[in-house]
C-alpha atoms as a PDB file:
ATOM      1  CA  MET A   1     123.178  20.879  44.848  1.00  0.00           C
ATOM      2  CA  ARG A   2     126.604  20.453  46.369  1.00  0.00           C
ATOM      3  CA  VAL A   3     129.527  18.716  44.694  1.00  0.00           C
ATOM      4  CA  HIS A   4     132.297  17.120  46.723  1.00  0.00           C
ATOM      5  CA  PRO A   5     135.693  18.511  45.622  1.00  0.00           C
ATOM      6  CA  GLU A   6     136.924  15.009  44.773  1.00  0.00           C
ATOM      7  CA  ALA A   7     133.821  14.368  42.623  1.00  0.00           C
ATOM      8  CA  ALA A   8     134.521  17.605  40.746  1.00  0.00           C
ATOM      9  CA  ARG A   9     138.128  16.496  40.262  1.00  0.00           C
ATOM     10  CA  GLU A  10     136.958  13.105  38.947  1.00  0.00           C
ATOM     11  CA  ALA A  11     134.616  14.755  36.433  1.00  0.00           C
ATOM     12  CA  ARG A  12     137.408  17.044  35.205  1.00  0.00           C
ATOM     13  CA  ALA A  13     139.804  14.102  34.883  1.00  0.00           C
ATOM     14  CA  ALA A  14     137.274  12.128  32.838  1.00  0.00           C
ATOM     15  CA  ARG A  15     136.670  15.122  30.571  1.00  0.00           C
ATOM     16  CA  ARG A  16     140.417  15.533  30.057  1.00  0.00           C
ATOM     17  CA  TRP A  17     140.813  11.841  29.244  1.00  0.00           C
ATOM     18  CA  TYR A  18     138.017  11.912  26.667  1.00  0.00           C
ATOM     19  CA  SER A  19     139.307  15.209  25.243  1.00  0.00           C
ATOM     20  CA  GLU A  20     142.702  13.623  24.601  1.00  0.00           C
ATOM     21  CA  TYR A  21     140.928  10.987  22.536  1.00  0.00           C
ATOM     22  CA  SER A  22     138.688  13.498  20.772  1.00  0.00           C
ATOM     23  CA  LYS A  23     137.609  17.055  21.497  1.00  0.00           C
ATOM     24  CA  ASP A  24     134.041  16.050  20.609  1.00  0.00           C
ATOM     25  CA  ALA A  25     134.171  13.130  23.039  1.00  0.00           C
ATOM     26  CA  GLY A  26     135.250  15.469  25.843  1.00  0.00           C
ATOM     27  CA  GLU A  27     132.400  17.830  25.058  1.00  0.00           C
ATOM     28  CA  ARG A  28     129.921  14.937  24.921  1.00  0.00           C
ATOM     29  CA  PHE A  29     131.122  13.772  28.342  1.00  0.00           C
ATOM     30  CA  VAL A  30     130.556  17.241  29.809  1.00  0.00           C
ATOM     31  CA  ALA A  31     127.075  17.390  28.254  1.00  0.00           C
ATOM     32  CA  ALA A  32     126.217  13.933  29.633  1.00  0.00           C
ATOM     33  CA  TYR A  33     127.479  14.904  33.095  1.00  0.00           C
ATOM     34  CA  ARG A  34     125.458  18.146  33.088  1.00  0.00           C
ATOM     35  CA  GLN A  35     122.367  16.213  31.996  1.00  0.00           C
ATOM     36  CA  ALA A  36     122.954  13.704  34.809  1.00  0.00           C
ATOM     37  CA  VAL A  37     123.156  16.516  37.371  1.00  0.00           C
ATOM     38  CA  LYS A  38     119.946  18.068  36.047  1.00  0.00           C
ATOM     39  CA  VAL A  39     118.026  14.779  36.072  1.00  0.00           C
ATOM     40  CA  ILE A  40     119.275  13.913  39.562  1.00  0.00           C
ATOM     41  CA  ALA A  41     118.303  17.356  40.894  1.00  0.00           C
ATOM     42  CA  ASP A  42     114.815  17.044  39.392  1.00  0.00           C
ATOM     43  CA  SER A  43     114.063  13.702  41.050  1.00  0.00           C
ATOM     44  CA  PRO A  44     116.791  12.304  43.320  1.00  0.00           C
ATOM     45  CA  ALA A  45     114.615   9.574  44.863  1.00  0.00           C
ATOM     46  CA  ARG A  46     114.079   8.063  41.410  1.00  0.00           C
ATOM     47  CA  TRP A  47     117.540   6.523  41.284  1.00  0.00           C
ATOM     48  CA  PRO A  48     118.387   3.205  42.965  1.00  0.00           C
ATOM     49  CA  SER A  49     120.215   2.787  46.235  1.00  0.00           C
ATOM     50  CA  TYR A  50     123.858   1.888  45.886  1.00  0.00           C
ATOM     51  CA  LEU A  51     126.174   1.163  48.822  1.00  0.00           C
ATOM     52  CA  GLY A  52     124.420   3.586  51.152  1.00  0.00           C
ATOM     53  CA  ALA A  53     123.890   6.345  48.579  1.00  0.00           C
ATOM     54  CA  ARG A  54     122.240   6.511  45.139  1.00  0.00           C
ATOM     55  CA  ARG A  55     123.641   5.984  41.672  1.00  0.00           C
ATOM     56  CA  TYR A  56     122.888   7.470  38.266  1.00  0.00           C
ATOM     57  CA  HIS A  57     124.537   5.576  35.418  1.00  0.00           C
ATOM     58  CA  MET A  58     125.562   7.739  32.451  1.00  0.00           C
ATOM     59  CA  ARG A  59     124.263   5.864  29.405  1.00  0.00           C
ATOM     60  CA  ARG A  60     126.819   6.850  26.773  1.00  0.00           C
ATOM     61  CA  PHE A  61     129.857   6.616  29.031  1.00  0.00           C
ATOM     62  CA  PRO A  62     131.016   3.939  31.495  1.00  0.00           C
ATOM     63  CA  TYR A  63     130.612   6.356  34.418  1.00  0.00           C
ATOM     64  CA  SER A  64     128.178   6.763  37.273  1.00  0.00           C
ATOM     65  CA  VAL A  65     127.336   9.767  39.404  1.00  0.00           C
ATOM     66  CA  ILE A  66     127.099   8.740  43.057  1.00  0.00           C
ATOM     67  CA  PHE A  67     125.014  11.046  45.196  1.00  0.00           C
ATOM     68  CA  ASP A  68     123.006  11.289  48.386  1.00  0.00           C
ATOM     69  CA  VAL A  69     120.383  13.623  49.783  1.00  0.00           C
ATOM     70  CA  ALA A  70     121.567  15.411  52.930  1.00  0.00           C
ATOM     71  CA  ALA A  71     119.427  15.926  56.007  1.00  0.00           C
ATOM     72  CA  ASP A  72     118.717  19.484  54.819  1.00  0.00           C
ATOM     73  CA  GLY A  73     117.321  18.089  51.532  1.00  0.00           C
ATOM     74  CA  VAL A  74     120.234  19.202  49.360  1.00  0.00           C
ATOM     75  CA  VAL A  75     121.563  16.714  46.817  1.00  0.00           C
ATOM     76  CA  GLU A  76     125.262  16.000  47.347  1.00  0.00           C
ATOM     77  CA  ILE A  77     127.327  14.525  44.529  1.00  0.00           C
ATOM     78  CA  LEU A  78     129.930  12.328  46.180  1.00  0.00           C
ATOM     79  CA  ALA A  79     131.709  10.770  43.193  1.00  0.00           C
ATOM     80  CA  VAL A  80     131.892  10.621  39.426  1.00  0.00           C
ATOM     81  CA  THR A  81     133.256   7.135  39.048  1.00  0.00           C
ATOM     82  CA  HIS A  82     134.272   4.873  36.213  1.00  0.00           C
ATOM     83  CA  ASP A  83     132.078   1.782  36.372  1.00  0.00           C
ATOM     84  CA  ARG A  84     135.114  -0.522  36.529  1.00  0.00           C
ATOM     85  CA  ARG A  85     136.653   1.241  39.499  1.00  0.00           C
ATOM     86  CA  GLY A  86     136.417  -0.578  42.801  1.00  0.00           C
ATOM     87  CA  PRO A  87     133.036   0.096  44.409  1.00  0.00           C
ATOM     88  CA  GLY A  88     132.677   2.127  47.558  1.00  0.00           C
ATOM     89  CA  TYR A  89     135.984   4.018  47.528  1.00  0.00           C
ATOM     90  CA  TRP A  90     133.952   7.219  47.955  1.00  0.00           C
ATOM     91  CA  ARG A  91     132.013   6.039  51.036  1.00  0.00           C
ATOM     92  CA  ARG A  92     133.942   8.203  53.488  1.00  0.00           C
ATOM     93  CA  ARG A  93     133.141  11.387  51.577  1.00  0.00           C
ATOM     94  CA  SER A  94     130.636  13.830  52.934  1.00  0.00           C
ATOM     95  CA  LEU A  95     129.949  17.521  52.509  1.00  0.00           C
END
């Protein structure tokens, strides 16, 4: 699994935002993100296509993990995006 630097930055920013609201909320976001990464790694083809990649929606938070599978078979996380953010801003990202 590879994580684009901007996707890592987005995940950290979301954690910080939730932590400002509540330390528990920040920790729950991190746990949900880690679970998303694990589930994606276990079965990346399971998740629906989304603007040329794939998307895993985090159930308890209004965020999605956008990822693709590279030619070498490695899962690449391209974005950790709020569901209300304009779609496709991450399309130019690659690892």
